[in-house]
Amino acid sequence: QVRFVESGGGLVQPGGSLRLSCVHSGSIFKIFAMGWYRQAPGKERELVAGITSGGSPNYADSVKGRFTISRDNALNTVYLQMNSLKPEDTAVYYCNVEGRTPWSWGQGTQVTVSS
């Protein structure tokens, strides 16, 4: 079954860093723009960063300058480097295609920023 598998989340103190990874099992991963999304308790899922098939990134204002998205098409993997984390970054983080109807969602990875 084609799916996303996210990893790398955890508990971190404010100001800390985490690197998330997302692997997709399908062979057509490399031709699509990809995005990292997050969903905090009681809130809707939101796009925080996207990257085109060619590697051009875009970011939500709330994470600009702190998060960096990248991808390795040979490994069918997209990454999210998160620095200077804030408590408001606490959420479950997911990856999926960007700019089109989402594919099946993975289980996500929990990021908790707390002292």
N, C-alpha and C. Protein backbone atom coordinates (compact mmCIF):
# COMPACT_ATOMS: atom_id res chain seq x y z
N GLN A 1 0.84 -1.18 0.00
CA GLN A 1 0.00 0.00 0.00
C GLN A 1 0.88 1.24 0.00
N VAL A 2 0.59 2.18 -0.89
CA VAL A 2 1.37 3.39 -0.98
C VAL A 2 1.00 4.31 0.17
N ARG A 3 2.00 4.77 0.91
CA ARG A 3 1.69 5.62 2.05
C ARG A 3 2.90 6.42 2.46
N PHE A 4 2.63 7.42 3.31
CA PHE A 4 3.67 8.25 3.91
C PHE A 4 4.00 7.71 5.30
N VAL A 5 5.27 7.77 5.67
CA VAL A 5 5.71 7.39 7.01
C VAL A 5 6.55 8.53 7.56
N GLU A 6 6.02 9.23 8.56
CA GLU A 6 6.71 10.35 9.18
C GLU A 6 7.44 9.90 10.44
N SER A 7 8.56 10.55 10.73
CA SER A 7 9.33 10.22 11.93
C SER A 7 10.15 11.44 12.35
N GLY A 8 10.72 11.35 13.56
CA GLY A 8 11.62 12.39 14.03
C GLY A 8 11.06 13.32 15.08
N GLY A 9 9.79 13.18 15.41
CA GLY A 9 9.19 14.05 16.41
C GLY A 9 9.67 13.69 17.81
N GLY A 10 9.23 14.50 18.77
CA GLY A 10 9.59 14.24 20.15
C GLY A 10 9.29 15.43 21.03
N LEU A 11 9.81 15.36 22.25
CA LEU A 11 9.65 16.44 23.22
C LEU A 11 10.94 17.26 23.23
N VAL A 12 10.80 18.56 23.08
CA VAL A 12 11.96 19.44 23.04
C VAL A 12 11.63 20.72 23.80
N GLN A 13 12.64 21.32 24.39
CA GLN A 13 12.45 22.58 25.10
C GLN A 13 12.35 23.74 24.13
N PRO A 14 11.70 24.81 24.53
CA PRO A 14 11.66 26.01 23.67
C PRO A 14 13.08 26.43 23.28
N GLY A 15 13.22 26.78 22.01
CA GLY A 15 14.53 27.13 21.48
C GLY A 15 15.29 25.96 20.90
N GLY A 16 14.79 24.77 21.10
CA GLY A 16 15.46 23.58 20.61
C GLY A 16 15.19 23.30 19.14
N SER A 17 15.73 22.17 18.68
CA SER A 17 15.62 21.80 17.26
C SER A 17 15.19 20.34 17.12
N LEU A 18 14.55 20.07 16.02
CA LEU A 18 14.20 18.70 15.62
C LEU A 18 14.29 18.63 14.10
N ARG A 19 14.55 17.42 13.60
CA ARG A 19 14.53 17.19 12.16
C ARG A 19 13.54 16.07 11.88
N LEU A 20 12.52 16.39 11.12
CA LEU A 20 11.51 15.41 10.74
C LEU A 20 11.84 14.82 9.37
N SER A 21 11.46 13.57 9.20
CA SER A 21 11.64 12.88 7.93
C SER A 21 10.32 12.26 7.51
N CYS A 22 10.12 12.19 6.22
CA CYS A 22 8.92 11.56 5.68
C CYS A 22 9.31 10.76 4.44
N VAL A 23 9.03 9.48 4.49
CA VAL A 23 9.34 8.59 3.38
C VAL A 23 8.03 8.17 2.72
N HIS A 24 8.03 8.19 1.39
CA HIS A 24 6.86 7.71 0.66
C HIS A 24 7.24 6.47 -0.12
N SER A 25 6.35 5.50 -0.12
CA SER A 25 6.68 4.21 -0.72
C SER A 25 6.42 4.15 -2.21
N GLY A 26 5.80 5.19 -2.80
CA GLY A 26 5.49 5.17 -4.21
C GLY A 26 6.64 5.64 -5.07
N SER A 27 6.65 5.24 -6.32
CA SER A 27 7.75 5.58 -7.22
C SER A 27 7.58 6.91 -7.91
N ILE A 28 6.40 7.54 -7.77
CA ILE A 28 6.16 8.80 -8.48
C ILE A 28 6.33 10.01 -7.58
N PHE A 29 6.86 9.80 -6.41
CA PHE A 29 7.05 10.85 -5.41
C PHE A 29 7.74 12.06 -6.02
N LYS A 30 8.78 11.81 -6.82
CA LYS A 30 9.68 12.88 -7.23
C LYS A 30 9.05 13.90 -8.17
N ILE A 31 7.90 13.62 -8.75
CA ILE A 31 7.32 14.55 -9.71
C ILE A 31 6.33 15.52 -9.09
N PHE A 32 6.07 15.36 -7.79
CA PHE A 32 5.06 16.18 -7.13
C PHE A 32 5.67 17.15 -6.13
N ALA A 33 5.05 18.32 -6.01
CA ALA A 33 5.36 19.21 -4.90
C ALA A 33 4.90 18.56 -3.61
N MET A 34 5.70 18.71 -2.59
CA MET A 34 5.41 18.09 -1.29
C MET A 34 5.29 19.15 -0.22
N GLY A 35 4.57 18.82 0.83
CA GLY A 35 4.41 19.77 1.92
C GLY A 35 4.44 19.10 3.27
N TRP A 36 4.84 19.87 4.26
CA TRP A 36 4.70 19.48 5.67
C TRP A 36 3.51 20.25 6.23
N TYR A 37 2.65 19.52 6.89
CA TYR A 37 1.45 20.07 7.50
C TYR A 37 1.50 19.78 9.00
N ARG A 38 0.72 20.52 9.76
CA ARG A 38 0.62 20.23 11.19
C ARG A 38 -0.81 20.47 11.66
N GLN A 39 -1.15 19.74 12.71
CA GLN A 39 -2.46 19.90 13.31
C GLN A 39 -2.31 19.91 14.81
N ALA A 40 -2.64 21.04 15.40
CA ALA A 40 -2.62 21.19 16.85
C ALA A 40 -3.99 20.81 17.41
N PRO A 41 -4.05 20.44 18.69
CA PRO A 41 -5.35 20.06 19.28
C PRO A 41 -6.39 21.16 19.11
N GLY A 42 -7.56 20.77 18.61
CA GLY A 42 -8.64 21.72 18.46
C GLY A 42 -8.52 22.65 17.27
N LYS A 43 -7.50 22.44 16.45
CA LYS A 43 -7.29 23.30 15.29
C LYS A 43 -7.30 22.50 14.00
N GLU A 44 -7.49 23.19 12.89
CA GLU A 44 -7.46 22.52 11.60
C GLU A 44 -6.02 22.28 11.16
N ARG A 45 -5.85 21.30 10.31
CA ARG A 45 -4.53 21.03 9.75
C ARG A 45 -4.12 22.19 8.86
N GLU A 46 -2.86 22.59 8.98
CA GLU A 46 -2.37 23.72 8.19
C GLU A 46 -1.04 23.35 7.52
N LEU A 47 -0.80 23.98 6.37
CA LEU A 47 0.45 23.80 5.66
C LEU A 47 1.50 24.72 6.27
N VAL A 48 2.64 24.17 6.64
CA VAL A 48 3.70 25.01 7.21
C VAL A 48 4.87 25.21 6.25
N ALA A 49 5.10 24.25 5.35
CA ALA A 49 6.19 24.40 4.40
C ALA A 49 5.94 23.52 3.19
N GLY A 50 6.34 23.98 2.03
CA GLY A 50 6.19 23.21 0.81
C GLY A 50 7.46 23.26 -0.01
N ILE A 51 7.60 22.31 -0.91
CA ILE A 51 8.77 22.28 -1.78
C ILE A 51 8.36 21.71 -3.13
N THR A 52 8.76 22.39 -4.19
CA THR A 52 8.42 21.92 -5.53
C THR A 52 9.24 20.69 -5.88
N SER A 53 8.89 20.05 -6.98
CA SER A 53 9.65 18.89 -7.44
C SER A 53 11.10 19.28 -7.73
N GLY A 54 11.32 20.54 -8.09
CA GLY A 54 12.67 21.01 -8.38
C GLY A 54 13.42 21.53 -7.18
N GLY A 55 12.77 21.57 -6.03
CA GLY A 55 13.45 21.95 -4.80
C GLY A 55 13.23 23.38 -4.33
N SER A 56 12.31 24.12 -4.91
CA SER A 56 12.04 25.49 -4.45
C SER A 56 11.09 25.46 -3.26
N PRO A 57 11.51 26.07 -2.14
CA PRO A 57 10.69 26.00 -0.93
C PRO A 57 9.74 27.19 -0.77
N ASN A 58 8.73 27.01 0.05
CA ASN A 58 7.88 28.10 0.49
C ASN A 58 7.45 27.80 1.92
N TYR A 59 7.20 28.86 2.69
CA TYR A 59 6.94 28.70 4.12
C TYR A 59 5.77 29.56 4.58
N ALA A 60 5.05 29.05 5.57
CA ALA A 60 4.07 29.87 6.26
C ALA A 60 4.81 30.95 7.05
N ASP A 61 4.17 32.10 7.20
CA ASP A 61 4.82 33.20 7.91
C ASP A 61 5.23 32.80 9.32
N SER A 62 4.46 31.93 9.93
CA SER A 62 4.71 31.56 11.33
C SER A 62 6.00 30.78 11.52
N VAL A 63 6.54 30.19 10.45
CA VAL A 63 7.75 29.37 10.59
C VAL A 63 8.91 29.90 9.75
N LYS A 64 8.67 30.93 8.98
CA LYS A 64 9.70 31.47 8.09
C LYS A 64 10.92 31.91 8.89
N GLY A 65 12.09 31.48 8.44
CA GLY A 65 13.32 31.82 9.14
C GLY A 65 13.71 30.83 10.22
N ARG A 66 12.80 29.92 10.56
CA ARG A 66 13.09 28.92 11.61
C ARG A 66 13.07 27.51 11.06
N PHE A 67 12.22 27.24 10.08
CA PHE A 67 12.09 25.90 9.51
C PHE A 67 12.70 25.88 8.12
N THR A 68 13.27 24.72 7.75
CA THR A 68 13.81 24.52 6.42
C THR A 68 13.32 23.19 5.87
N ILE A 69 12.70 23.23 4.71
CA ILE A 69 12.23 22.01 4.06
C ILE A 69 13.21 21.62 2.96
N SER A 70 13.42 20.33 2.81
CA SER A 70 14.28 19.83 1.75
C SER A 70 13.77 18.46 1.32
N ARG A 71 14.30 17.97 0.22
CA ARG A 71 13.86 16.66 -0.26
C ARG A 71 15.01 15.94 -0.94
N ASP A 72 14.93 14.62 -0.90
CA ASP A 72 15.87 13.74 -1.60
C ASP A 72 15.03 12.81 -2.45
N ASN A 73 14.92 13.13 -3.74
CA ASN A 73 14.05 12.34 -4.61
C ASN A 73 14.56 10.91 -4.80
N ALA A 74 15.83 10.72 -4.71
CA ALA A 74 16.38 9.36 -4.86
C ALA A 74 15.93 8.46 -3.72
N LEU A 75 15.67 9.06 -2.57
CA LEU A 75 15.24 8.30 -1.39
C LEU A 75 13.75 8.43 -1.13
N ASN A 76 13.04 9.14 -2.01
CA ASN A 76 11.60 9.37 -1.81
C ASN A 76 11.32 9.97 -0.43
N THR A 77 12.16 10.92 -0.02
CA THR A 77 12.10 11.46 1.33
C THR A 77 12.05 12.98 1.31
N VAL A 78 11.25 13.53 2.20
CA VAL A 78 11.21 14.97 2.42
C VAL A 78 11.51 15.22 3.89
N TYR A 79 12.26 16.28 4.15
CA TYR A 79 12.71 16.60 5.50
C TYR A 79 12.17 17.96 5.94
N LEU A 80 12.10 18.13 7.25
CA LEU A 80 11.78 19.43 7.83
C LEU A 80 12.71 19.68 9.01
N GLN A 81 13.65 20.58 8.82
CA GLN A 81 14.52 20.99 9.91
C GLN A 81 13.85 22.12 10.65
N MET A 82 13.64 21.91 11.93
CA MET A 82 12.92 22.90 12.75
C MET A 82 13.86 23.43 13.82
N ASN A 83 14.15 24.70 13.78
CA ASN A 83 15.00 25.36 14.76
C ASN A 83 14.21 26.41 15.54
N SER A 84 14.77 26.84 16.66
CA SER A 84 14.14 27.88 17.48
C SER A 84 12.67 27.55 17.74
N LEU A 85 12.43 26.33 18.15
CA LEU A 85 11.06 25.87 18.34
C LEU A 85 10.37 26.63 19.46
N LYS A 86 9.07 26.83 19.28
CA LYS A 86 8.23 27.55 20.23
C LYS A 86 7.11 26.64 20.71
N PRO A 87 6.54 26.91 21.87
CA PRO A 87 5.42 26.09 22.34
C PRO A 87 4.27 26.03 21.33
N GLU A 88 4.07 27.10 20.59
CA GLU A 88 2.98 27.10 19.61
C GLU A 88 3.26 26.22 18.39
N ASP A 89 4.46 25.65 18.30
CA ASP A 89 4.77 24.69 17.24
C ASP A 89 4.30 23.28 17.61
N THR A 90 3.84 23.11 18.83
CA THR A 90 3.36 21.81 19.28
C THR A 90 2.18 21.35 18.43
N ALA A 91 2.31 20.17 17.83
CA ALA A 91 1.29 19.64 16.93
C ALA A 91 1.73 18.26 16.45
N VAL A 92 0.82 17.60 15.76
CA VAL A 92 1.18 16.41 15.00
C VAL A 92 1.54 16.89 13.60
N TYR A 93 2.70 16.46 13.12
CA TYR A 93 3.20 16.89 11.83
C TYR A 93 3.04 15.76 10.80
N TYR A 94 2.55 16.13 9.64
CA TYR A 94 2.30 15.19 8.55
C TYR A 94 2.96 15.71 7.27
N CYS A 95 3.24 14.80 6.37
CA CYS A 95 3.62 15.24 5.03
C CYS A 95 2.59 14.71 4.03
N ASN A 96 2.51 15.39 2.91
CA ASN A 96 1.60 15.01 1.85
C ASN A 96 1.93 15.85 0.62
N VAL A 97 1.27 15.58 -0.48
CA VAL A 97 1.47 16.40 -1.66
C VAL A 97 0.96 17.81 -1.38
N GLU A 98 1.46 18.78 -2.12
CA GLU A 98 1.03 20.15 -1.98
C GLU A 98 0.36 20.61 -3.27
N GLY A 99 -0.71 21.37 -3.12
CA GLY A 99 -1.34 21.96 -4.28
C GLY A 99 -2.29 21.07 -5.06
N ARG A 100 -2.61 19.95 -4.48
CA ARG A 100 -3.57 19.03 -5.12
C ARG A 100 -4.29 18.25 -4.04
N THR A 101 -5.28 17.48 -4.44
CA THR A 101 -6.00 16.65 -3.47
C THR A 101 -5.02 15.75 -2.72
N PRO A 102 -5.05 15.80 -1.39
CA PRO A 102 -4.10 15.00 -0.63
C PRO A 102 -4.23 13.51 -0.90
N TRP A 103 -3.09 12.82 -0.85
CA TRP A 103 -3.10 11.36 -0.86
C TRP A 103 -3.46 10.87 0.54
N SER A 104 -3.48 9.59 0.74
CA SER A 104 -3.79 9.06 2.06
C SER A 104 -2.79 9.59 3.09
N TRP A 105 -3.30 10.04 4.22
CA TRP A 105 -2.45 10.59 5.26
C TRP A 105 -1.74 9.47 6.03
N GLY A 106 -0.51 9.75 6.44
CA GLY A 106 0.20 8.83 7.32
C GLY A 106 -0.23 9.04 8.76
N GLN A 107 0.50 8.43 9.68
CA GLN A 107 0.14 8.53 11.09
C GLN A 107 0.64 9.82 11.72
N GLY A 108 1.55 10.51 11.04
CA GLY A 108 2.10 11.74 11.57
C GLY A 108 3.14 11.47 12.65
N THR A 109 3.80 12.54 13.07
CA THR A 109 4.77 12.45 14.16
C THR A 109 4.52 13.62 15.12
N GLN A 110 4.46 13.30 16.40
CA GLN A 110 4.12 14.30 17.42
C GLN A 110 5.34 15.15 17.76
N VAL A 111 5.16 16.45 17.73
CA VAL A 111 6.17 17.40 18.19
C VAL A 111 5.59 18.16 19.36
N THR A 112 6.28 18.09 20.49
CA THR A 112 5.85 18.80 21.68
C THR A 112 6.97 19.72 22.14
N VAL A 113 6.67 21.00 22.23
CA VAL A 113 7.66 21.99 22.67
C VAL A 113 7.21 22.51 24.03
N SER A 114 7.98 22.14 25.04
CA SER A 114 7.59 22.48 26.40
C SER A 114 8.81 22.45 27.31
N SER A 115 8.79 23.31 28.30
CA SER A 115 9.87 23.30 29.30
C SER A 115 9.47 22.44 30.49
